[in-house]
PDB file of N, CA and C in Angstrom:
ATOM      1  N   UNK A   1     -13.515  50.315  24.855  1.00  0.00           N
ATOM      2  CA  UNK A   1     -12.953  49.531  23.769  1.00  0.00           C
ATOM      3  C   UNK A   1     -11.946  50.409  23.030  1.00  0.00           C
ATOM      4  N   UNK A   2     -10.781  49.859  22.739  1.00  0.00           N
ATOM      5  CA  UNK A   2      -9.773  50.585  21.982  1.00  0.00           C
ATOM      6  C   UNK A   2      -9.892  50.244  20.512  1.00  0.00           C
ATOM      7  N   UNK A   3      -9.667  51.231  19.686  1.00  0.00           N
ATOM      8  CA  UNK A   3      -9.680  50.995  18.250  1.00  0.00           C
ATOM      9  C   UNK A   3      -8.266  50.979  17.715  1.00  0.00           C
ATOM     10  N   UNK A   4      -8.056  50.300  16.641  1.00  0.00           N
ATOM     11  CA  UNK A   4      -6.755  50.280  15.979  1.00  0.00           C
ATOM     12  C   UNK A   4      -6.981  50.089  14.501  1.00  0.00           C
ATOM     13  N   UNK A   5      -5.995  50.497  13.743  1.00  0.00           N
ATOM     14  CA  UNK A   5      -6.099  50.301  12.298  1.00  0.00           C
ATOM     15  C   UNK A   5      -5.080  49.266  11.860  1.00  0.00           C
ATOM     16  N   UNK A   6      -5.458  48.455  10.901  1.00  0.00           N
ATOM     17  CA  UNK A   6      -4.578  47.437  10.334  1.00  0.00           C
ATOM     18  C   UNK A   6      -4.536  47.656   8.834  1.00  0.00           C
ATOM     19  N   UNK A   7      -3.353  47.656   8.291  1.00  0.00           N
ATOM     20  CA  UNK A   7      -3.189  47.812   6.850  1.00  0.00           C
ATOM     21  C   UNK A   7      -2.944  46.442   6.245  1.00  0.00           C
ATOM     22  N   UNK A   8      -3.916  45.922   5.494  1.00  0.00           N
ATOM     23  CA  UNK A   8      -3.754  44.673   4.769  1.00  0.00           C
ATOM     24  C   UNK A   8      -3.513  45.022   3.314  1.00  0.00           C
ATOM     25  N   UNK A   9      -2.270  44.925   2.901  1.00  0.00           N
ATOM     26  CA  UNK A   9      -1.909  45.277   1.532  1.00  0.00           C
ATOM     27  C   UNK A   9      -1.761  44.013   0.713  1.00  0.00           C
ATOM     28  N   UNK A  10      -2.187  44.075  -0.522  1.00  0.00           N
ATOM     29  CA  UNK A  10      -2.104  42.932  -1.424  1.00  0.00           C
ATOM     30  C   UNK A  10      -1.734  43.444  -2.797  1.00  0.00           C
ATOM     31  N   UNK A  11      -0.822  42.762  -3.447  1.00  0.00           N
ATOM     32  CA  UNK A  11      -0.500  43.102  -4.827  1.00  0.00           C
ATOM     33  C   UNK A  11      -1.562  42.488  -5.724  1.00  0.00           C
ATOM     34  N   UNK A  12      -2.029  43.246  -6.678  1.00  0.00           N
ATOM     35  CA  UNK A  12      -3.073  42.779  -7.583  1.00  0.00           C
ATOM     36  C   UNK A  12      -2.457  42.545  -8.954  1.00  0.00           C
ATOM     37  N   UNK A  13      -2.715  41.362  -9.504  1.00  0.00           N
ATOM     38  CA  UNK A  13      -2.226  41.031 -10.833  1.00  0.00           C
ATOM     39  C   UNK A  13      -3.361  41.218 -11.824  1.00  0.00           C
ATOM     40  N   UNK A  14      -3.093  41.967 -12.870  1.00  0.00           N
ATOM     41  CA  UNK A  14      -4.083  42.149 -13.924  1.00  0.00           C
ATOM     42  C   UNK A  14      -3.930  40.985 -14.893  1.00  0.00           C
ATOM     43  N   UNK A  15      -5.031  40.308 -15.200  1.00  0.00           N
ATOM     44  CA  UNK A  15      -4.957  39.150 -16.083  1.00  0.00           C
ATOM     45  C   UNK A  15      -4.870  37.866 -15.277  1.00  0.00           C
ATOM     46  N   UNK A  16      -4.448  36.826 -15.911  1.00  0.00           N
ATOM     47  CA  UNK A  16      -4.336  35.502 -15.287  1.00  0.00           C
ATOM     48  C   UNK A  16      -3.095  35.431 -14.398  1.00  0.00           C
ATOM     49  N   UNK A  17      -3.259  35.114 -13.096  1.00  0.00           N
ATOM     50  CA  UNK A  17      -2.084  35.010 -12.232  1.00  0.00           C
ATOM     51  C   UNK A  17      -1.221  33.815 -12.633  1.00  0.00           C
ATOM     52  N   UNK A  18       0.078  33.922 -12.432  1.00  0.00           N
ATOM     53  CA  UNK A  18       0.997  32.842 -12.771  1.00  0.00           C
ATOM     54  C   UNK A  18       1.522  32.235 -11.469  1.00  0.00           C
ATOM     55  N   UNK A  19       0.657  31.519 -10.782  1.00  0.00           N
ATOM     56  CA  UNK A  19       1.003  30.869  -9.531  1.00  0.00           C
ATOM     57  C   UNK A  19       1.223  29.392  -9.798  1.00  0.00           C
ATOM     58  N   UNK A  20       2.160  28.778  -9.071  1.00  0.00           N
ATOM     59  CA  UNK A  20       2.474  27.374  -9.327  1.00  0.00           C
ATOM     60  C   UNK A  20       1.655  26.408  -8.477  1.00  0.00           C
ATOM     61  N   UNK A  21       1.553  26.661  -7.189  1.00  0.00           N
ATOM     62  CA  UNK A  21       0.895  25.727  -6.278  1.00  0.00           C
ATOM     63  C   UNK A  21      -0.625  25.839  -6.349  1.00  0.00           C
ATOM     64  N   UNK A  22      -1.120  27.072  -6.511  1.00  0.00           N
ATOM     65  CA  UNK A  22      -2.557  27.305  -6.613  1.00  0.00           C
ATOM     66  C   UNK A  22      -2.832  28.143  -7.852  1.00  0.00           C
ATOM     67  N   UNK A  23      -4.038  28.029  -8.404  1.00  0.00           N
ATOM     68  CA  UNK A  23      -4.380  28.775  -9.617  1.00  0.00           C
ATOM     69  C   UNK A  23      -4.868  30.179  -9.270  1.00  0.00           C
ATOM     70  N   UNK A  24      -5.788  30.292  -8.351  1.00  0.00           N
ATOM     71  CA  UNK A  24      -6.291  31.584  -7.894  1.00  0.00           C
ATOM     72  C   UNK A  24      -6.684  31.419  -6.435  1.00  0.00           C
ATOM     73  N   UNK A  25      -6.815  32.536  -5.739  1.00  0.00           N
ATOM     74  CA  UNK A  25      -7.154  32.443  -4.325  1.00  0.00           C
ATOM     75  C   UNK A  25      -7.884  33.688  -3.865  1.00  0.00           C
ATOM     76  N   UNK A  26      -8.532  33.543  -2.720  1.00  0.00           N
ATOM     77  CA  UNK A  26      -9.199  34.653  -2.054  1.00  0.00           C
ATOM     78  C   UNK A  26      -8.868  34.545  -0.579  1.00  0.00           C
ATOM     79  N   UNK A  27      -8.366  35.632  -0.002  1.00  0.00           N
ATOM     80  CA  UNK A  27      -8.069  35.656   1.430  1.00  0.00           C
ATOM     81  C   UNK A  27      -9.207  36.351   2.152  1.00  0.00           C
ATOM     82  N   UNK A  28      -9.535  35.831   3.310  1.00  0.00           N
ATOM     83  CA  UNK A  28     -10.577  36.432   4.135  1.00  0.00           C
ATOM     84  C   UNK A  28      -9.998  36.708   5.511  1.00  0.00           C
ATOM     85  N   UNK A  29     -10.284  37.899   6.028  1.00  0.00           N
ATOM     86  CA  UNK A  29      -9.790  38.302   7.342  1.00  0.00           C
ATOM     87  C   UNK A  29     -10.960  38.891   8.117  1.00  0.00           C
ATOM     88  N   UNK A  30     -11.123  38.437   9.359  1.00  0.00           N
ATOM     89  CA  UNK A  30     -12.165  38.989  10.222  1.00  0.00           C
ATOM     90  C   UNK A  30     -11.585  39.189  11.619  1.00  0.00           C
ATOM     91  N   UNK A  31     -11.849  40.350  12.214  1.00  0.00           N
ATOM     92  CA  UNK A  31     -11.459  40.633  13.593  1.00  0.00           C
ATOM     93  C   UNK A  31     -12.739  40.838  14.383  1.00  0.00           C
ATOM     94  N   UNK A  32     -12.934  39.984  15.381  1.00  0.00           N
ATOM     95  CA  UNK A  32     -14.158  40.024  16.191  1.00  0.00           C
ATOM     96  C   UNK A  32     -13.800  40.416  17.624  1.00  0.00           C
ATOM     97  N   UNK A  33     -14.293  41.554  18.118  1.00  0.00           N
ATOM     98  CA  UNK A  33     -14.021  41.941  19.504  1.00  0.00           C
ATOM     99  C   UNK A  33     -14.694  40.963  20.468  1.00  0.00           C
ATOM    100  N   UNK A  34     -13.928  40.487  21.453  1.00  0.00           N
ATOM    101  CA  UNK A  34     -14.476  39.585  22.467  1.00  0.00           C
ATOM    102  C   UNK A  34     -14.683  40.308  23.795  1.00  0.00           C
ATOM    103  N   UNK A  35     -13.786  41.223  24.099  1.00  0.00           N
ATOM    104  CA  UNK A  35     -13.859  42.029  25.312  1.00  0.00           C
ATOM    105  C   UNK A  35     -13.056  43.295  25.047  1.00  0.00           C
ATOM    106  N   UNK A  36     -13.024  44.228  26.003  1.00  0.00           N
ATOM    107  CA  UNK A  36     -12.235  45.441  25.771  1.00  0.00           C
ATOM    108  C   UNK A  36     -10.738  45.174  25.551  1.00  0.00           C
ATOM    109  N   UNK A  37     -10.255  44.022  26.013  1.00  0.00           N
ATOM    110  CA  UNK A  37      -8.817  43.762  25.888  1.00  0.00           C
ATOM    111  C   UNK A  37      -8.464  42.596  24.971  1.00  0.00           C
ATOM    112  N   UNK A  38      -9.460  42.000  24.311  1.00  0.00           N
ATOM    113  CA  UNK A  38      -9.122  40.872  23.439  1.00  0.00           C
ATOM    114  C   UNK A  38     -10.051  40.807  22.227  1.00  0.00           C
ATOM    115  N   UNK A  39      -9.518  40.205  21.177  1.00  0.00           N
ATOM    116  CA  UNK A  39     -10.267  40.018  19.937  1.00  0.00           C
ATOM    117  C   UNK A  39      -9.923  38.659  19.353  1.00  0.00           C
ATOM    118  N   UNK A  40     -10.788  38.176  18.476  1.00  0.00           N
ATOM    119  CA  UNK A  40     -10.534  36.925  17.768  1.00  0.00           C
ATOM    120  C   UNK A  40     -10.213  37.272  16.315  1.00  0.00           C
ATOM    121  N   UNK A  41      -9.077  36.785  15.837  1.00  0.00           N
ATOM    122  CA  UNK A  41      -8.659  36.989  14.466  1.00  0.00           C
ATOM    123  C   UNK A  41      -8.927  35.707  13.690  1.00  0.00           C
ATOM    124  N   UNK A  42      -9.680  35.809  12.595  1.00  0.00           N
ATOM    125  CA  UNK A  42      -9.955  34.656  11.743  1.00  0.00           C
ATOM    126  C   UNK A  42      -9.413  34.966  10.357  1.00  0.00           C
ATOM    127  N   UNK A  43      -8.528  34.100   9.877  1.00  0.00           N
ATOM    128  CA  UNK A  43      -7.937  34.256   8.551  1.00  0.00           C
ATOM    129  C   UNK A  43      -8.155  32.957   7.793  1.00  0.00           C
ATOM    130  N   UNK A  44      -8.607  33.067   6.545  1.00  0.00           N
ATOM    131  CA  UNK A  44      -8.793  31.863   5.736  1.00  0.00           C
ATOM    132  C   UNK A  44      -8.372  32.135   4.295  1.00  0.00           C
ATOM    133  N   UNK A  45      -8.070  31.064   3.605  1.00  0.00           N
ATOM    134  CA  UNK A  45      -7.711  31.131   2.196  1.00  0.00           C
ATOM    135  C   UNK A  45      -8.605  30.159   1.440  1.00  0.00           C
ATOM    136  N   UNK A  46      -9.287  30.658   0.430  1.00  0.00           N
ATOM    137  CA  UNK A  46     -10.081  29.825  -0.470  1.00  0.00           C
ATOM    138  C   UNK A  46      -9.315  29.809  -1.782  1.00  0.00           C
ATOM    139  N   UNK A  47      -9.030  28.620  -2.313  1.00  0.00           N
ATOM    140  CA  UNK A  47      -8.157  28.541  -3.483  1.00  0.00           C
ATOM    141  C   UNK A  47      -8.668  27.530  -4.495  1.00  0.00           C
ATOM    142  N   UNK A  48      -8.150  27.641  -5.705  1.00  0.00           N
ATOM    143  CA  UNK A  48      -8.382  26.658  -6.763  1.00  0.00           C
ATOM    144  C   UNK A  48      -7.036  26.073  -7.148  1.00  0.00           C
ATOM    145  N   UNK A  49      -7.034  24.803  -7.462  1.00  0.00           N
ATOM    146  CA  UNK A  49      -5.808  24.159  -7.931  1.00  0.00           C
ATOM    147  C   UNK A  49      -5.562  24.495  -9.403  1.00  0.00           C
ATOM    148  N   UNK A  50      -4.306  24.423  -9.836  1.00  0.00           N
ATOM    149  CA  UNK A  50      -4.011  24.642 -11.265  1.00  0.00           C
ATOM    150  C   UNK A  50      -4.785  23.641 -12.123  1.00  0.00           C
ATOM    151  N   UNK A  51      -5.059  24.018 -13.365  1.00  0.00           N
ATOM    152  CA  UNK A  51      -5.833  23.153 -14.259  1.00  0.00           C
ATOM    153  C   UNK A  51      -4.971  22.107 -14.969  1.00  0.00           C
ATOM    154  N   UNK A  52      -3.711  22.466 -15.277  1.00  0.00           N
ATOM    155  CA  UNK A  52      -2.878  21.527 -16.048  1.00  0.00           C
ATOM    156  C   UNK A  52      -2.458  20.335 -15.197  1.00  0.00           C
ATOM    157  N   UNK A  53      -2.264  19.206 -15.834  1.00  0.00           N
ATOM    158  CA  UNK A  53      -1.990  17.940 -15.168  1.00  0.00           C
ATOM    159  C   UNK A  53      -0.829  17.952 -14.200  1.00  0.00           C
ATOM    160  N   UNK A  54       0.381  18.339 -14.651  1.00  0.00           N
ATOM    161  CA  UNK A  54       1.565  18.287 -13.798  1.00  0.00           C
ATOM    162  C   UNK A  54       1.418  19.225 -12.607  1.00  0.00           C
ATOM    163  N   UNK A  55       1.060  20.496 -12.846  1.00  0.00           N
ATOM    164  CA  UNK A  55       0.964  21.464 -11.761  1.00  0.00           C
ATOM    165  C   UNK A  55      -0.217  21.178 -10.846  1.00  0.00           C
ATOM    166  N   UNK A  56      -1.254  20.543 -11.371  1.00  0.00           N
ATOM    167  CA  UNK A  56      -2.375  20.145 -10.519  1.00  0.00           C
ATOM    168  C   UNK A  56      -1.915  19.083  -9.516  1.00  0.00           C
ATOM    169  N   UNK A  57      -1.119  18.135  -9.968  1.00  0.00           N
ATOM    170  CA  UNK A  57      -0.583  17.101  -9.072  1.00  0.00           C
ATOM    171  C   UNK A  57       0.338  17.721  -8.031  1.00  0.00           C
ATOM    172  N   UNK A  58       1.209  18.625  -8.464  1.00  0.00           N
ATOM    173  CA  UNK A  58       2.101  19.326  -7.529  1.00  0.00           C
ATOM    174  C   UNK A  58       1.256  20.091  -6.502  1.00  0.00           C
ATOM    175  N   UNK A  59       0.212  20.769  -6.978  1.00  0.00           N
ATOM    176  CA  UNK A  59      -0.678  21.501  -6.082  1.00  0.00           C
ATOM    177  C   UNK A  59      -1.352  20.599  -5.069  1.00  0.00           C
ATOM    178  N   UNK A  60      -1.838  19.442  -5.512  1.00  0.00           N
ATOM    179  CA  UNK A  60      -2.477  18.491  -4.595  1.00  0.00           C
ATOM    180  C   UNK A  60      -1.526  18.049  -3.490  1.00  0.00           C
ATOM    181  N   UNK A  61      -0.266  17.876  -3.842  1.00  0.00           N
ATOM    182  CA  UNK A  61       0.728  17.415  -2.875  1.00  0.00           C
ATOM    183  C   UNK A  61       1.120  18.525  -1.896  1.00  0.00           C
ATOM    184  N   UNK A  62       1.251  19.759  -2.378  1.00  0.00           N
ATOM    185  CA  UNK A  62       1.832  20.829  -1.573  1.00  0.00           C
ATOM    186  C   UNK A  62       0.860  21.853  -1.007  1.00  0.00           C
ATOM    187  N   UNK A  63      -0.373  21.898  -1.485  1.00  0.00           N
ATOM    188  CA  UNK A  63      -1.259  23.009  -1.145  1.00  0.00           C
ATOM    189  C   UNK A  63      -1.575  23.104   0.349  1.00  0.00           C
ATOM    190  N   UNK A  64      -1.760  22.016   1.041  1.00  0.00           N
ATOM    191  CA  UNK A  64      -2.095  22.095   2.472  1.00  0.00           C
ATOM    192  C   UNK A  64      -0.956  22.687   3.286  1.00  0.00           C
ATOM    193  N   UNK A  65       0.261  22.205   3.065  1.00  0.00           N
ATOM    194  CA  UNK A  65       1.389  22.743   3.823  1.00  0.00           C
ATOM    195  C   UNK A  65       1.668  24.188   3.425  1.00  0.00           C
ATOM    196  N   UNK A  66       1.509  24.510   2.151  1.00  0.00           N
ATOM    197  CA  UNK A  66       1.706  25.879   1.674  1.00  0.00           C
ATOM    198  C   UNK A  66       0.671  26.820   2.301  1.00  0.00           C
ATOM    199  N   UNK A  67      -0.584  26.405   2.323  1.00  0.00           N
ATOM    200  CA  UNK A  67      -1.654  27.222   2.916  1.00  0.00           C
ATOM    201  C   UNK A  67      -1.431  27.414   4.410  1.00  0.00           C
ATOM    202  N   UNK A  68      -1.083  26.349   5.113  1.00  0.00           N
ATOM    203  CA  UNK A  68      -0.813  26.455   6.554  1.00  0.00           C
ATOM    204  C   UNK A  68       0.331  27.421   6.834  1.00  0.00           C
ATOM    205  N   UNK A  69       1.372  27.322   6.022  1.00  0.00           N
ATOM    206  CA  UNK A  69       2.518  28.220   6.184  1.00  0.00           C
ATOM    207  C   UNK A  69       2.099  29.677   5.985  1.00  0.00           C
ATOM    208  N   UNK A  70       1.315  29.943   4.964  1.00  0.00           N
ATOM    209  CA  UNK A  70       0.831  31.310   4.711  1.00  0.00           C
ATOM    210  C   UNK A  70      -0.029  31.807   5.871  1.00  0.00           C
ATOM    211  N   UNK A  71      -0.946  30.982   6.351  1.00  0.00           N
ATOM    212  CA  UNK A  71      -1.830  31.375   7.446  1.00  0.00           C
ATOM    213  C   UNK A  71      -1.048  31.615   8.733  1.00  0.00           C
ATOM    214  N   UNK A  72      -0.075  30.743   9.035  1.00  0.00           N
ATOM    215  CA  UNK A  72       0.763  30.938  10.220  1.00  0.00           C
ATOM    216  C   UNK A  72       1.517  32.259  10.154  1.00  0.00           C
ATOM    217  N   UNK A  73       2.087  32.537   8.988  1.00  0.00           N
ATOM    218  CA  UNK A  73       2.850  33.776   8.804  1.00  0.00           C
ATOM    219  C   UNK A  73       1.930  34.994   8.977  1.00  0.00           C
ATOM    220  N   UNK A  74       0.724  34.929   8.408  1.00  0.00           N
ATOM    221  CA  UNK A  74      -0.213  36.041   8.533  1.00  0.00           C
ATOM    222  C   UNK A  74      -0.623  36.254   9.995  1.00  0.00           C
ATOM    223  N   UNK A  75      -0.888  35.178  10.720  1.00  0.00           N
ATOM    224  CA  UNK A  75      -1.255  35.287  12.137  1.00  0.00           C
ATOM    225  C   UNK A  75      -0.108  35.854  12.952  1.00  0.00           C
ATOM    226  N   UNK A  76       1.096  35.357  12.723  1.00  0.00           N
ATOM    227  CA  UNK A  76       2.275  35.827  13.452  1.00  0.00           C
ATOM    228  C   UNK A  76       2.518  37.314  13.189  1.00  0.00           C
ATOM    229  N   UNK A  77       2.449  37.714  11.925  1.00  0.00           N
ATOM    230  CA  UNK A  77       2.683  39.120  11.573  1.00  0.00           C
ATOM    231  C   UNK A  77       1.604  40.026  12.163  1.00  0.00           C
ATOM    232  N   UNK A  78       0.343  39.576  12.126  1.00  0.00           N
ATOM    233  CA  UNK A  78      -0.747  40.361  12.703  1.00  0.00           C
ATOM    234  C   UNK A  78      -0.567  40.493  14.205  1.00  0.00           C
ATOM    235  N   UNK A  79      -0.171  39.415  14.865  1.00  0.00           N
ATOM    236  CA  UNK A  79       0.056  39.459  16.309  1.00  0.00           C
ATOM    237  C   UNK A  79       1.165  40.459  16.642  1.00  0.00           C
ATOM    238  N   UNK A  80       2.235  40.460  15.868  1.00  0.00           N
ATOM    239  CA  UNK A  80       3.321  41.421  16.107  1.00  0.00           C
ATOM    240  C   UNK A  80       2.828  42.859  15.982  1.00  0.00           C
ATOM    241  N   UNK A  81       2.046  43.136  14.935  1.00  0.00           N
ATOM    242  CA  UNK A  81       1.525  44.491  14.729  1.00  0.00           C
ATOM    243  C   UNK A  81       0.622  44.892  15.905  1.00  0.00           C
ATOM    244  N   UNK A  82      -0.252  43.978  16.331  1.00  0.00           N
ATOM    245  CA  UNK A  82      -1.168  44.297  17.408  1.00  0.00           C
ATOM    246  C   UNK A  82      -0.431  44.488  18.734  1.00  0.00           C
ATOM    247  N   UNK A  83       0.614  43.701  18.993  1.00  0.00           N
ATOM    248  CA  UNK A  83       1.402  43.862  20.211  1.00  0.00           C
ATOM    249  C   UNK A  83       2.105  45.206  20.231  1.00  0.00           C
ATOM    250  N   UNK A  84       2.677  45.593  19.102  1.00  0.00           N
ATOM    251  CA  UNK A  84       3.340  46.901  19.015  1.00  0.00           C
ATOM    252  C   UNK A  84       2.329  48.014  19.188  1.00  0.00           C
ATOM    253  N   UNK A  85       1.166  47.887  18.548  1.00  0.00           N
ATOM    254  CA  UNK A  85       0.107  48.908  18.649  1.00  0.00           C
ATOM    255  C   UNK A  85      -0.374  49.043  20.086  1.00  0.00           C
ATOM    256  N   UNK A  86      -0.592  47.919  20.783  1.00  0.00           N
ATOM    257  CA  UNK A  86      -1.086  48.003  22.153  1.00  0.00           C
ATOM    258  C   UNK A  86      -0.015  48.546  23.088  1.00  0.00           C
ATOM    259  N   UNK A  87       1.273  48.278  22.816  1.00  0.00           N
ATOM    260  CA  UNK A  87       2.361  48.808  23.627  1.00  0.00           C
ATOM    261  C   UNK A  87       2.471  50.312  23.455  1.00  0.00           C
ATOM    262  N   UNK A  88       2.326  50.775  22.218  1.00  0.00           N
ATOM    263  CA  UNK A  88       2.433  52.196  21.917  1.00  0.00           C
ATOM    264  C   UNK A  88       1.282  52.956  22.547  1.00  0.00           C
ATOM    265  N   UNK A  89       0.079  52.394  22.541  1.00  0.00           N
ATOM    266  CA  UNK A  89      -1.107  53.091  23.062  1.00  0.00           C
ATOM    267  C   UNK A  89      -1.245  52.979  24.582  1.00  0.00           C
ATOM    268  N   UNK A  90      -0.560  52.020  25.199  1.00  0.00           N
ATOM    269  CA  UNK A  90      -0.716  51.811  26.642  1.00  0.00           C
ATOM    270  C   UNK A  90      -0.069  52.917  27.449  1.00  0.00           C
TER     271      UNK A  90
END
């Protein structure tokens, strides 16, 4: 089994975040080895909608597409890093 390191960096906001589509969120990432040459990457986002009326409605309308876009980008970026890492180590 080959090992690799992944750097998941996140900016941390002190105090109440000022997000428009979602109020707060938690990202979860899990890498599960399936065989010596493959792994399963699981990424999820748990979020709360904004509390105020207007932004809550905007959040209800946009949150699914926004979340999917974020998850797709995270998967694509992780795949690129892993492909480069496996090419370098091969």
